[in-house]
């Protein structure tokens, strides 16, 4: 049976910073890469003020700086944003008000492939962004 969003959210339990042994994602050997967690990504998104948004590159840069890394792994950052988003949507569907879930619509790009995959649908993200005045 597939893992629930709650189970996926709990793994990995801690962020890690590793030195690259070889080039990866446009970064060179010896650079420090952050592998965040879904919880770290969700905490970052939760701090985005109402009416503001962040791009994925901004999110990755901010997380890297906060963890004294040169960059954040683009693959895991995207996966973990999706996990945080799906969990938030699941929580909302189970009765949690929007004010108590991770406001993922502030970090999910409407044009991204991920936006089209989310259970909430692109229309929900668009509605929330418009409600907050996010272009």
N, C-alpha and C. Protein backbone atom coordinates (compact mmCIF):
# COMPACT_ATOMS: atom_id res chain seq x y z
N UNK A 1 0.84 -1.18 0.00
CA UNK A 1 0.00 0.00 0.00
C UNK A 1 0.89 1.25 0.00
N UNK A 2 0.55 2.25 -0.82
CA UNK A 2 1.37 3.46 -0.87
C UNK A 2 1.32 4.22 0.46
N UNK A 3 2.40 4.96 0.72
CA UNK A 3 2.46 5.77 1.94
C UNK A 3 1.48 6.93 1.84
N UNK A 4 0.96 7.35 2.98
CA UNK A 4 0.08 8.51 3.04
C UNK A 4 0.94 9.77 2.95
N UNK A 5 0.29 10.91 2.71
CA UNK A 5 1.02 12.18 2.68
C UNK A 5 1.62 12.46 4.04
N UNK A 6 0.95 12.05 5.11
CA UNK A 6 1.48 12.24 6.46
C UNK A 6 2.77 11.45 6.64
N UNK A 7 2.79 10.21 6.16
CA UNK A 7 4.00 9.39 6.26
C UNK A 7 5.12 9.97 5.42
N UNK A 8 4.81 10.42 4.22
CA UNK A 8 5.82 11.01 3.35
C UNK A 8 6.37 12.30 3.97
N UNK A 9 5.50 13.05 4.66
CA UNK A 9 5.91 14.31 5.27
C UNK A 9 6.96 14.09 6.35
N UNK A 10 6.91 12.95 7.01
CA UNK A 10 7.82 12.66 8.13
C UNK A 10 9.20 12.18 7.68
N UNK A 11 9.41 11.98 6.39
CA UNK A 11 10.67 11.42 5.92
C UNK A 11 11.28 12.31 4.83
N UNK A 12 12.53 12.63 4.86
CA UNK A 12 13.49 12.31 5.90
C UNK A 12 13.25 13.14 7.16
N UNK A 13 13.67 12.63 8.31
CA UNK A 13 13.38 13.34 9.56
C UNK A 13 14.18 14.62 9.77
N UNK A 14 15.38 14.71 9.21
CA UNK A 14 16.23 15.89 9.42
C UNK A 14 16.83 16.34 8.09
N UNK A 15 17.00 17.66 7.93
CA UNK A 15 17.70 18.14 6.73
C UNK A 15 19.18 17.77 6.83
N UNK A 16 19.83 17.69 5.69
CA UNK A 16 21.26 17.40 5.70
C UNK A 16 21.98 18.29 4.69
N UNK A 17 23.23 18.57 4.99
CA UNK A 17 24.09 19.33 4.09
C UNK A 17 25.29 18.45 3.79
N UNK A 18 25.52 18.23 2.50
CA UNK A 18 26.62 17.36 2.07
C UNK A 18 27.48 18.08 1.03
N UNK A 19 28.78 17.78 1.05
CA UNK A 19 29.66 18.29 0.01
C UNK A 19 29.55 17.38 -1.20
N UNK A 20 29.45 18.01 -2.35
CA UNK A 20 29.34 17.24 -3.59
C UNK A 20 30.67 16.57 -3.92
N UNK A 21 30.59 15.30 -4.28
CA UNK A 21 31.77 14.57 -4.72
C UNK A 21 32.00 14.71 -6.21
N UNK A 22 30.97 15.16 -6.90
CA UNK A 22 31.06 15.40 -8.34
C UNK A 22 30.03 16.47 -8.69
N UNK A 23 30.15 17.10 -9.85
CA UNK A 23 29.18 18.14 -10.23
C UNK A 23 27.75 17.59 -10.26
N UNK A 24 26.81 18.47 -9.88
CA UNK A 24 25.40 18.10 -9.88
C UNK A 24 24.56 19.36 -10.05
N UNK A 25 23.60 19.31 -10.91
CA UNK A 25 22.62 20.39 -11.11
C UNK A 25 23.28 21.75 -11.33
N UNK A 26 24.36 21.75 -12.09
CA UNK A 26 25.04 23.01 -12.40
C UNK A 26 25.98 23.49 -11.31
N UNK A 27 26.20 22.68 -10.29
CA UNK A 27 27.08 23.04 -9.18
C UNK A 27 28.29 22.12 -9.19
N UNK A 28 29.40 22.63 -8.69
CA UNK A 28 30.65 21.91 -8.80
C UNK A 28 31.01 21.07 -7.59
N UNK A 29 31.96 20.20 -7.83
CA UNK A 29 32.51 19.34 -6.78
C UNK A 29 32.96 20.20 -5.60
N UNK A 30 32.64 19.76 -4.41
CA UNK A 30 33.04 20.47 -3.20
C UNK A 30 32.02 21.47 -2.69
N UNK A 31 31.04 21.83 -3.52
CA UNK A 31 30.00 22.74 -3.04
C UNK A 31 29.09 22.01 -2.05
N UNK A 32 28.51 22.77 -1.15
CA UNK A 32 27.64 22.17 -0.13
C UNK A 32 26.18 22.26 -0.59
N UNK A 33 25.51 21.10 -0.59
CA UNK A 33 24.12 21.01 -1.03
C UNK A 33 23.23 20.64 0.15
N UNK A 34 22.16 21.43 0.29
CA UNK A 34 21.15 21.13 1.30
C UNK A 34 20.12 20.17 0.72
N UNK A 35 19.83 19.13 1.46
CA UNK A 35 18.67 18.29 1.19
C UNK A 35 17.72 18.60 2.34
N UNK A 36 16.65 19.36 2.05
CA UNK A 36 15.74 19.75 3.13
C UNK A 36 14.83 18.58 3.51
N UNK A 37 13.79 18.87 4.19
CA UNK A 37 12.75 17.89 4.51
C UNK A 37 11.41 18.53 4.12
N UNK A 38 10.38 17.74 3.99
CA UNK A 38 9.06 18.35 3.74
C UNK A 38 8.69 19.35 4.84
N UNK A 39 9.04 19.04 6.08
CA UNK A 39 8.70 19.94 7.19
C UNK A 39 9.46 21.26 7.08
N UNK A 40 10.71 21.22 6.66
CA UNK A 40 11.51 22.45 6.48
C UNK A 40 10.89 23.30 5.38
N UNK A 41 10.51 22.66 4.28
CA UNK A 41 9.88 23.40 3.17
C UNK A 41 8.55 23.99 3.63
N UNK A 42 7.75 23.20 4.33
CA UNK A 42 6.45 23.69 4.81
C UNK A 42 6.61 24.86 5.78
N UNK A 43 7.60 24.78 6.65
CA UNK A 43 7.84 25.88 7.61
C UNK A 43 8.23 27.16 6.87
N UNK A 44 9.04 27.03 5.84
CA UNK A 44 9.41 28.19 5.03
C UNK A 44 8.17 28.80 4.37
N UNK A 45 7.37 27.96 3.75
CA UNK A 45 6.17 28.44 3.05
C UNK A 45 5.20 29.08 4.04
N UNK A 46 5.09 28.52 5.23
CA UNK A 46 4.17 29.06 6.24
C UNK A 46 4.56 30.48 6.65
N UNK A 47 5.81 30.84 6.49
CA UNK A 47 6.28 32.18 6.87
C UNK A 47 6.14 33.21 5.75
N UNK A 48 5.72 32.78 4.56
CA UNK A 48 5.52 33.74 3.48
C UNK A 48 4.29 34.57 3.84
N UNK A 49 4.41 35.87 3.94
CA UNK A 49 3.27 36.70 4.35
C UNK A 49 2.09 36.61 3.37
N UNK A 50 0.91 36.78 3.91
CA UNK A 50 -0.30 36.82 3.09
C UNK A 50 -0.12 37.89 2.01
N UNK A 51 -0.50 37.53 0.79
CA UNK A 51 -0.40 38.48 -0.32
C UNK A 51 0.94 38.47 -1.02
N UNK A 52 1.88 37.64 -0.55
CA UNK A 52 3.18 37.53 -1.19
C UNK A 52 3.37 36.11 -1.69
N UNK A 53 4.32 35.96 -2.60
CA UNK A 53 4.65 34.63 -3.09
C UNK A 53 6.17 34.50 -3.19
N UNK A 54 6.62 33.29 -3.36
CA UNK A 54 8.03 33.02 -3.57
C UNK A 54 8.15 32.05 -4.74
N UNK A 55 9.18 32.24 -5.53
CA UNK A 55 9.46 31.31 -6.61
C UNK A 55 10.25 30.13 -6.04
N UNK A 56 10.29 29.07 -6.79
CA UNK A 56 11.10 27.92 -6.35
C UNK A 56 12.57 28.29 -6.22
N UNK A 57 13.16 29.05 -7.17
CA UNK A 57 14.55 29.47 -6.97
C UNK A 57 14.75 30.30 -5.69
N UNK A 58 13.80 31.18 -5.37
CA UNK A 58 13.90 31.96 -4.13
C UNK A 58 13.85 31.03 -2.93
N UNK A 59 12.91 30.11 -2.94
CA UNK A 59 12.77 29.15 -1.84
C UNK A 59 14.07 28.39 -1.65
N UNK A 60 14.63 27.88 -2.73
CA UNK A 60 15.87 27.10 -2.63
C UNK A 60 17.03 27.96 -2.12
N UNK A 61 17.16 29.18 -2.64
CA UNK A 61 18.24 30.07 -2.20
C UNK A 61 18.11 30.41 -0.71
N UNK A 62 16.90 30.73 -0.29
CA UNK A 62 16.67 31.09 1.12
C UNK A 62 16.95 29.92 2.05
N UNK A 63 16.51 28.73 1.66
CA UNK A 63 16.76 27.55 2.49
C UNK A 63 18.25 27.24 2.56
N UNK A 64 18.94 27.34 1.44
CA UNK A 64 20.39 27.10 1.44
C UNK A 64 21.10 28.06 2.37
N UNK A 65 20.76 29.33 2.28
CA UNK A 65 21.40 30.34 3.14
C UNK A 65 21.12 30.05 4.62
N UNK A 66 19.90 29.66 4.93
CA UNK A 66 19.53 29.39 6.31
C UNK A 66 20.27 28.17 6.88
N UNK A 67 20.70 27.28 6.01
CA UNK A 67 21.38 26.06 6.46
C UNK A 67 22.87 26.07 6.11
N UNK A 68 23.39 27.24 5.76
CA UNK A 68 24.81 27.43 5.44
C UNK A 68 25.29 26.47 4.34
N UNK A 69 24.46 26.37 3.33
CA UNK A 69 24.81 25.55 2.17
C UNK A 69 24.96 26.47 0.96
N UNK A 70 25.60 25.97 -0.07
CA UNK A 70 25.76 26.75 -1.30
C UNK A 70 24.49 26.75 -2.14
N UNK A 71 23.73 25.67 -2.06
CA UNK A 71 22.49 25.56 -2.82
C UNK A 71 21.62 24.46 -2.21
N UNK A 72 20.36 24.45 -2.60
CA UNK A 72 19.42 23.42 -2.18
C UNK A 72 19.16 22.51 -3.36
N UNK A 73 19.11 21.22 -3.11
CA UNK A 73 18.85 20.25 -4.16
C UNK A 73 17.53 20.59 -4.85
N UNK A 74 17.56 20.86 -6.15
CA UNK A 74 16.32 21.24 -6.84
C UNK A 74 15.31 20.09 -6.93
N UNK A 75 15.80 18.88 -7.01
CA UNK A 75 14.90 17.73 -7.12
C UNK A 75 14.11 17.51 -5.83
N UNK A 76 14.82 17.43 -4.71
CA UNK A 76 14.12 17.17 -3.45
C UNK A 76 13.28 18.37 -3.02
N UNK A 77 13.73 19.58 -3.30
CA UNK A 77 12.92 20.75 -2.94
C UNK A 77 11.56 20.70 -3.61
N UNK A 78 11.54 20.34 -4.89
CA UNK A 78 10.27 20.22 -5.60
C UNK A 78 9.40 19.10 -5.07
N UNK A 79 10.02 17.96 -4.82
CA UNK A 79 9.27 16.82 -4.27
C UNK A 79 8.69 17.18 -2.92
N UNK A 80 9.49 17.82 -2.09
CA UNK A 80 9.04 18.13 -0.73
C UNK A 80 7.98 19.23 -0.71
N UNK A 81 8.05 20.16 -1.66
CA UNK A 81 6.97 21.15 -1.76
C UNK A 81 5.67 20.45 -2.15
N UNK A 82 5.76 19.48 -3.03
CA UNK A 82 4.55 18.74 -3.40
C UNK A 82 3.99 17.98 -2.20
N UNK A 83 4.84 17.33 -1.45
CA UNK A 83 4.37 16.59 -0.27
C UNK A 83 3.71 17.54 0.72
N UNK A 84 4.34 18.68 0.99
CA UNK A 84 3.77 19.66 1.93
C UNK A 84 2.43 20.18 1.41
N UNK A 85 2.34 20.38 0.10
CA UNK A 85 1.10 20.89 -0.51
C UNK A 85 -0.01 19.86 -0.43
N UNK A 86 0.29 18.62 -0.76
CA UNK A 86 -0.72 17.57 -0.72
C UNK A 86 -1.20 17.32 0.70
N UNK A 87 -0.28 17.35 1.66
CA UNK A 87 -0.69 17.17 3.05
C UNK A 87 -1.60 18.32 3.49
N UNK A 88 -1.24 19.54 3.14
CA UNK A 88 -2.06 20.70 3.51
C UNK A 88 -3.46 20.58 2.89
N UNK A 89 -3.52 20.18 1.64
CA UNK A 89 -4.82 20.02 0.97
C UNK A 89 -5.64 18.92 1.66
N UNK A 90 -4.98 17.82 1.99
CA UNK A 90 -5.66 16.72 2.69
C UNK A 90 -6.20 17.21 4.04
N UNK A 91 -5.41 17.98 4.75
CA UNK A 91 -5.85 18.52 6.04
C UNK A 91 -7.07 19.44 5.85
N UNK A 92 -7.02 20.26 4.81
CA UNK A 92 -8.15 21.16 4.53
C UNK A 92 -9.40 20.35 4.18
N UNK A 93 -9.24 19.32 3.40
CA UNK A 93 -10.37 18.47 3.03
C UNK A 93 -10.95 17.75 4.25
N UNK A 94 -10.12 17.56 5.27
CA UNK A 94 -10.58 16.93 6.50
C UNK A 94 -11.08 17.93 7.54
N UNK A 95 -11.27 19.19 7.13
CA UNK A 95 -11.89 20.17 8.00
C UNK A 95 -11.03 21.28 8.55
N UNK A 96 -9.73 21.24 8.34
CA UNK A 96 -8.88 22.34 8.84
C UNK A 96 -9.13 23.57 8.01
N UNK A 97 -9.30 24.72 8.64
CA UNK A 97 -9.47 25.95 7.86
C UNK A 97 -8.19 26.35 7.13
N UNK A 98 -8.35 27.10 6.06
CA UNK A 98 -7.19 27.53 5.26
C UNK A 98 -6.15 28.24 6.11
N UNK A 99 -6.60 28.96 7.12
CA UNK A 99 -5.68 29.71 7.98
C UNK A 99 -4.78 28.81 8.82
N UNK A 100 -5.09 27.52 8.87
CA UNK A 100 -4.32 26.59 9.71
C UNK A 100 -3.52 25.57 8.91
N UNK A 101 -3.50 25.71 7.59
CA UNK A 101 -2.70 24.79 6.78
C UNK A 101 -1.55 25.55 6.13
N UNK A 102 -0.59 24.83 5.62
CA UNK A 102 0.52 25.45 4.89
C UNK A 102 -0.03 26.13 3.64
N UNK A 103 0.20 27.43 3.48
CA UNK A 103 -0.35 28.17 2.33
C UNK A 103 0.47 27.93 1.05
N UNK A 104 0.43 26.71 0.59
CA UNK A 104 1.26 26.27 -0.53
C UNK A 104 1.04 27.06 -1.80
N UNK A 105 -0.14 27.66 -1.95
CA UNK A 105 -0.43 28.45 -3.15
C UNK A 105 0.49 29.65 -3.28
N UNK A 106 1.18 30.01 -2.21
CA UNK A 106 2.13 31.12 -2.25
C UNK A 106 3.48 30.71 -2.82
N UNK A 107 3.70 29.40 -3.00
CA UNK A 107 4.98 28.93 -3.51
C UNK A 107 4.86 28.04 -4.75
N UNK A 108 3.67 27.62 -5.09
CA UNK A 108 3.49 26.76 -6.26
C UNK A 108 3.23 27.62 -7.48
N UNK A 109 4.07 27.48 -8.48
CA UNK A 109 3.92 28.21 -9.74
C UNK A 109 2.78 27.59 -10.53
N UNK A 110 1.82 28.41 -10.89
CA UNK A 110 0.65 27.91 -11.64
C UNK A 110 1.03 27.23 -12.95
N UNK A 111 2.15 27.64 -13.53
CA UNK A 111 2.57 27.08 -14.82
C UNK A 111 3.45 25.84 -14.67
N UNK A 112 3.76 25.47 -13.45
CA UNK A 112 4.64 24.33 -13.24
C UNK A 112 3.90 23.01 -13.46
N UNK A 113 4.63 21.98 -13.85
CA UNK A 113 4.00 20.66 -13.98
C UNK A 113 3.40 20.19 -12.65
N UNK A 114 4.04 20.57 -11.53
CA UNK A 114 3.53 20.15 -10.23
C UNK A 114 2.13 20.70 -9.99
N UNK A 115 1.88 21.93 -10.35
CA UNK A 115 0.57 22.55 -10.11
C UNK A 115 -0.54 21.72 -10.74
N UNK A 116 -0.27 21.18 -11.90
CA UNK A 116 -1.27 20.38 -12.61
C UNK A 116 -1.49 19.01 -11.96
N UNK A 117 -0.51 18.54 -11.19
CA UNK A 117 -0.59 17.23 -10.55
C UNK A 117 -1.27 17.27 -9.18
N UNK A 118 -1.29 18.43 -8.54
CA UNK A 118 -1.82 18.52 -7.19
C UNK A 118 -3.30 18.17 -7.13
N UNK A 119 -3.68 17.48 -6.07
CA UNK A 119 -5.07 17.04 -5.90
C UNK A 119 -6.04 18.21 -5.84
N UNK A 120 -5.59 19.36 -5.38
CA UNK A 120 -6.46 20.53 -5.24
C UNK A 120 -6.83 21.13 -6.60
N UNK A 121 -5.99 20.89 -7.60
CA UNK A 121 -6.22 21.45 -8.93
C UNK A 121 -5.70 22.87 -9.04
N UNK A 122 -5.40 23.26 -10.25
CA UNK A 122 -4.86 24.59 -10.53
C UNK A 122 -5.87 25.68 -10.17
N UNK A 123 -7.15 25.41 -10.35
CA UNK A 123 -8.18 26.42 -10.06
C UNK A 123 -8.17 26.85 -8.60
N UNK A 124 -7.94 25.91 -7.69
CA UNK A 124 -7.87 26.25 -6.27
C UNK A 124 -6.69 27.18 -6.00
N UNK A 125 -5.54 26.85 -6.57
CA UNK A 125 -4.35 27.68 -6.38
C UNK A 125 -4.60 29.08 -6.92
N UNK A 126 -5.16 29.16 -8.11
CA UNK A 126 -5.48 30.45 -8.73
C UNK A 126 -6.45 31.25 -7.86
N UNK A 127 -7.47 30.59 -7.35
CA UNK A 127 -8.47 31.26 -6.51
C UNK A 127 -7.81 31.84 -5.25
N UNK A 128 -6.95 31.06 -4.61
CA UNK A 128 -6.31 31.53 -3.39
C UNK A 128 -5.34 32.68 -3.68
N UNK A 129 -4.62 32.57 -4.77
CA UNK A 129 -3.70 33.65 -5.14
C UNK A 129 -4.48 34.94 -5.44
N UNK A 130 -5.57 34.83 -6.14
CA UNK A 130 -6.40 36.01 -6.43
C UNK A 130 -6.98 36.59 -5.15
N UNK A 131 -7.43 35.72 -4.27
CA UNK A 131 -8.01 36.17 -2.99
C UNK A 131 -7.00 36.98 -2.19
N UNK A 132 -5.72 36.62 -2.31
CA UNK A 132 -4.66 37.32 -1.57
C UNK A 132 -4.02 38.45 -2.39
N UNK A 133 -4.44 38.61 -3.64
CA UNK A 133 -3.88 39.66 -4.46
C UNK A 133 -2.50 39.33 -5.01
N UNK A 134 -2.22 38.05 -5.17
CA UNK A 134 -0.94 37.61 -5.73
C UNK A 134 -1.12 37.49 -7.24
N UNK A 135 -0.27 38.20 -7.98
CA UNK A 135 -0.38 38.20 -9.45
C UNK A 135 -0.03 36.84 -10.02
